[in-house]
Amino acid sequence: MAKRKKRRGSARDAPSGAPAQPRRAAPARPARAERSGPRELGAYGERPQAPWHPWPLSELLIFVGALAIAIGMIRGPERNLTTIVVGIGAVLIGTLEVSVREHFSGYRSHTMLLAVVPVVVLHSAVVIGLAALTSIPRWVNVALLPLDVALLVVLFRWLRRRFDQARRERVATERR
């Protein structure tokens, strides 16, 4: 038979003659701005502005790309593959621009996204390049996996260090 865990007594479980001990309140957490440090992954400070600031070009690119994907899917992917691919490209470019700007300014970490994109591009380029030259067997994808993982680890570590450095600079600048 398994042992039961002993329950801690509360103030109401105290003997009638013993004084009840009041519950201790949990310590108050500091406000988000006060506890934000260089290692926190959430947003810190003001969002960095794009070089073309008053115009939301990245957001418009993402919107137009999503619209192109939706139109291509509604009309039929077989006939509108070009529209879908262009839409995916537009969404990818807009998303990467915002992610790179936020990451390298120390505003918000996008380490995994920025590390995965070059790995996917390289893997796709190798497979498509080999497919153009010869018929490639399926094991080529499996053989590329160690290269993909190694590249992902190297990029992840570099991007993480770069974000930490940018976040420390951002925190130091805003505290002055």
Protein backbone atom coordinates (compact mmCIF):
# COMPACT_ATOMS: atom_id res chain seq x y z
CA MET A 1 0.00 0.00 0.00
CA ALA A 2 1.36 3.42 -0.92
CA LYS A 3 2.11 5.87 1.83
CA ARG A 4 -0.07 8.91 2.04
CA LYS A 5 1.51 12.32 2.06
CA LYS A 6 1.04 14.15 5.30
CA ARG A 7 -1.16 17.22 4.92
CA ARG A 8 0.08 20.41 6.47
CA GLY A 9 -2.29 21.75 9.05
CA SER A 10 -3.94 25.10 8.55
CA ALA A 11 -5.02 27.70 11.08
CA ARG A 12 -8.46 26.11 11.46
CA ASP A 13 -6.86 22.71 12.29
CA ALA A 14 -5.06 24.20 15.32
CA PRO A 15 -6.22 23.03 18.76
CA SER A 16 -8.86 25.29 20.25
CA GLY A 17 -6.50 26.65 22.92
CA ALA A 18 -3.65 27.43 20.50
CA PRO A 19 -3.60 30.78 18.71
CA ALA A 20 -4.25 30.55 14.99
CA GLN A 21 -1.35 31.57 12.80
CA PRO A 22 -2.25 33.98 10.02
CA ARG A 23 -1.42 32.95 6.47
CA ARG A 24 1.58 34.60 4.94
CA ALA A 25 0.89 36.58 1.83
CA ALA A 26 2.89 35.73 -1.25
CA PRO A 27 5.60 38.29 -1.96
CA ALA A 28 4.50 40.84 -4.50
CA ARG A 29 6.05 40.42 -7.94
CA PRO A 30 7.76 43.48 -9.32
CA ALA A 31 6.21 45.16 -12.33
CA ARG A 32 7.23 43.78 -15.73
CA ALA A 33 9.47 46.73 -16.55
CA GLU A 34 11.31 46.34 -13.24
CA ARG A 35 11.99 42.63 -13.56
CA SER A 36 12.95 42.66 -17.23
CA GLY A 37 16.55 41.69 -17.50
CA PRO A 38 18.88 40.75 -20.30
CA ARG A 39 17.85 37.05 -20.16
CA GLU A 40 14.08 37.58 -20.31
CA LEU A 41 12.62 36.63 -23.66
CA GLY A 42 9.53 38.85 -23.70
CA ALA A 43 9.36 42.27 -25.28
CA TYR A 44 11.41 44.97 -23.59
CA GLY A 45 10.97 48.67 -24.17
CA GLU A 46 9.52 50.23 -27.28
CA ARG A 47 9.19 48.30 -30.54
CA PRO A 48 11.97 49.29 -32.97
CA GLN A 49 10.78 51.39 -35.88
CA ALA A 50 11.36 50.38 -39.47
CA PRO A 51 13.49 52.63 -41.69
CA TRP A 52 10.28 53.54 -43.60
CA HIS A 53 8.49 54.26 -40.30
CA PRO A 54 5.21 56.00 -41.01
CA TRP A 55 4.29 53.41 -43.67
CA PRO A 56 3.56 49.85 -42.48
CA LEU A 57 5.22 48.14 -45.44
CA SER A 58 6.01 44.85 -43.70
CA GLU A 59 2.48 44.54 -42.36
CA LEU A 60 1.03 45.35 -45.80
CA LEU A 61 3.32 42.76 -47.38
CA ILE A 62 2.10 40.13 -44.93
CA PHE A 63 -1.53 41.11 -45.58
CA VAL A 64 -1.18 41.08 -49.37
CA GLY A 65 0.64 37.75 -49.22
CA ALA A 66 -2.08 36.21 -47.07
CA LEU A 67 -4.69 37.56 -49.45
CA ALA A 68 -2.85 36.05 -52.44
CA ILE A 69 -2.66 32.67 -50.68
CA ALA A 70 -6.39 32.78 -49.91
CA ILE A 71 -7.30 33.74 -53.48
CA GLY A 72 -5.05 31.02 -54.89
CA MET A 73 -6.58 28.39 -52.61
CA ILE A 74 -10.17 29.46 -53.38
CA ARG A 75 -9.63 29.40 -57.15
CA GLY A 76 -7.91 26.03 -56.94
CA PRO A 77 -4.29 25.24 -56.08
CA GLU A 78 -3.74 23.35 -59.33
CA ARG A 79 -4.38 26.40 -61.53
CA ASN A 80 -3.01 29.10 -59.20
CA LEU A 81 0.18 27.60 -57.83
CA THR A 82 2.13 30.71 -58.83
CA THR A 83 -0.22 32.96 -56.88
CA ILE A 84 0.13 30.76 -53.80
CA VAL A 85 3.94 30.64 -54.03
CA VAL A 86 4.16 34.43 -54.49
CA GLY A 87 1.82 34.89 -51.50
CA ILE A 88 3.94 32.59 -49.33
CA GLY A 89 7.05 34.50 -50.41
CA ALA A 90 5.47 37.85 -49.53
CA VAL A 91 4.36 36.64 -46.09
CA LEU A 92 7.81 35.17 -45.48
CA ILE A 93 9.62 38.38 -46.45
CA GLY A 94 7.35 40.57 -44.32
CA THR A 95 7.59 38.25 -41.32
CA LEU A 96 11.36 37.91 -41.57
CA GLU A 97 11.82 41.67 -41.80
CA VAL A 98 9.87 42.28 -38.60
CA SER A 99 11.57 39.35 -36.84
CA VAL A 100 15.09 40.42 -37.81
CA ARG A 101 14.44 44.03 -36.77
CA GLU A 102 13.02 43.02 -33.38
CA HIS A 103 15.64 40.33 -32.72
CA PHE A 104 18.77 42.29 -33.55
CA SER A 105 17.57 45.35 -31.65
CA GLY A 106 17.04 43.29 -28.48
CA TYR A 107 13.30 43.98 -28.36
CA ARG A 108 12.03 40.38 -28.62
CA SER A 109 13.78 37.09 -29.31
CA HIS A 110 13.00 35.29 -32.57
CA THR A 111 15.96 32.91 -32.31
CA MET A 112 14.30 29.68 -33.42
CA LEU A 113 12.45 31.24 -36.37
CA LEU A 114 15.61 32.96 -37.63
CA ALA A 115 17.65 29.77 -37.19
CA VAL A 116 15.17 27.47 -38.94
CA VAL A 117 14.66 29.56 -42.09
CA PRO A 118 18.25 29.23 -43.45
CA VAL A 119 18.24 25.49 -42.65
CA VAL A 120 15.01 24.97 -44.60
CA VAL A 121 16.31 27.07 -47.51
CA LEU A 122 19.61 25.15 -47.66
CA HIS A 123 17.91 21.76 -47.39
CA SER A 124 15.40 22.68 -50.09
CA ALA A 125 18.11 24.05 -52.39
CA VAL A 126 20.17 20.87 -52.08
CA VAL A 127 17.20 18.59 -52.71
CA ILE A 128 15.88 20.67 -55.63
CA GLY A 129 19.39 21.00 -57.09
CA LEU A 130 19.96 17.25 -56.91
CA ALA A 131 16.51 16.58 -58.34
CA ALA A 132 17.33 18.80 -61.33
CA LEU A 133 20.48 16.79 -62.06
CA THR A 134 19.34 13.28 -61.26
CA SER A 135 16.51 11.32 -59.73
CA ILE A 136 17.22 11.39 -56.03
CA PRO A 137 16.26 8.61 -53.66
CA ARG A 138 14.33 9.36 -50.49
CA TRP A 139 17.29 8.53 -48.24
CA VAL A 140 18.95 11.80 -49.31
CA ASN A 141 16.57 13.69 -47.00
CA VAL A 142 17.59 11.44 -44.12
CA ALA A 143 21.27 11.83 -44.98
CA LEU A 144 20.91 15.64 -44.90
CA LEU A 145 19.37 15.55 -41.42
CA PRO A 146 22.70 15.63 -39.47
CA LEU A 147 23.82 18.63 -41.55
CA ASP A 148 20.48 20.33 -40.87
CA VAL A 149 20.73 19.73 -37.13
CA ALA A 150 24.35 20.91 -36.96
CA LEU A 151 23.56 24.09 -38.88
CA LEU A 152 20.49 24.71 -36.71
CA VAL A 153 22.54 24.38 -33.51
CA VAL A 154 25.28 26.73 -34.76
CA LEU A 155 22.77 29.35 -35.94
CA PHE A 156 20.69 29.05 -32.78
CA ARG A 157 23.70 29.62 -30.51
CA TRP A 158 24.96 32.57 -32.56
CA LEU A 159 21.54 34.21 -32.78
CA ARG A 160 20.93 33.67 -29.07
CA ARG A 161 24.26 35.31 -28.15
CA ARG A 162 23.52 38.19 -30.51
CA PHE A 163 20.08 38.72 -28.96
CA ASP A 164 21.51 38.63 -25.42
CA GLN A 165 24.10 41.24 -26.40
CA ALA A 166 21.48 43.48 -28.02
CA ARG A 167 19.15 43.09 -25.01
CA ARG A 168 21.94 44.07 -22.59
CA GLU A 169 22.66 47.17 -24.71
CA ARG A 170 18.93 48.03 -24.82
CA VAL A 171 18.54 47.64 -21.04
CA ALA A 172 21.68 49.68 -20.34
CA THR A 173 20.58 52.44 -22.73
CA GLU A 174 17.05 52.69 -21.28
CA ARG A 175 18.26 52.77 -17.67
CA ARG A 176 20.42 55.85 -18.25
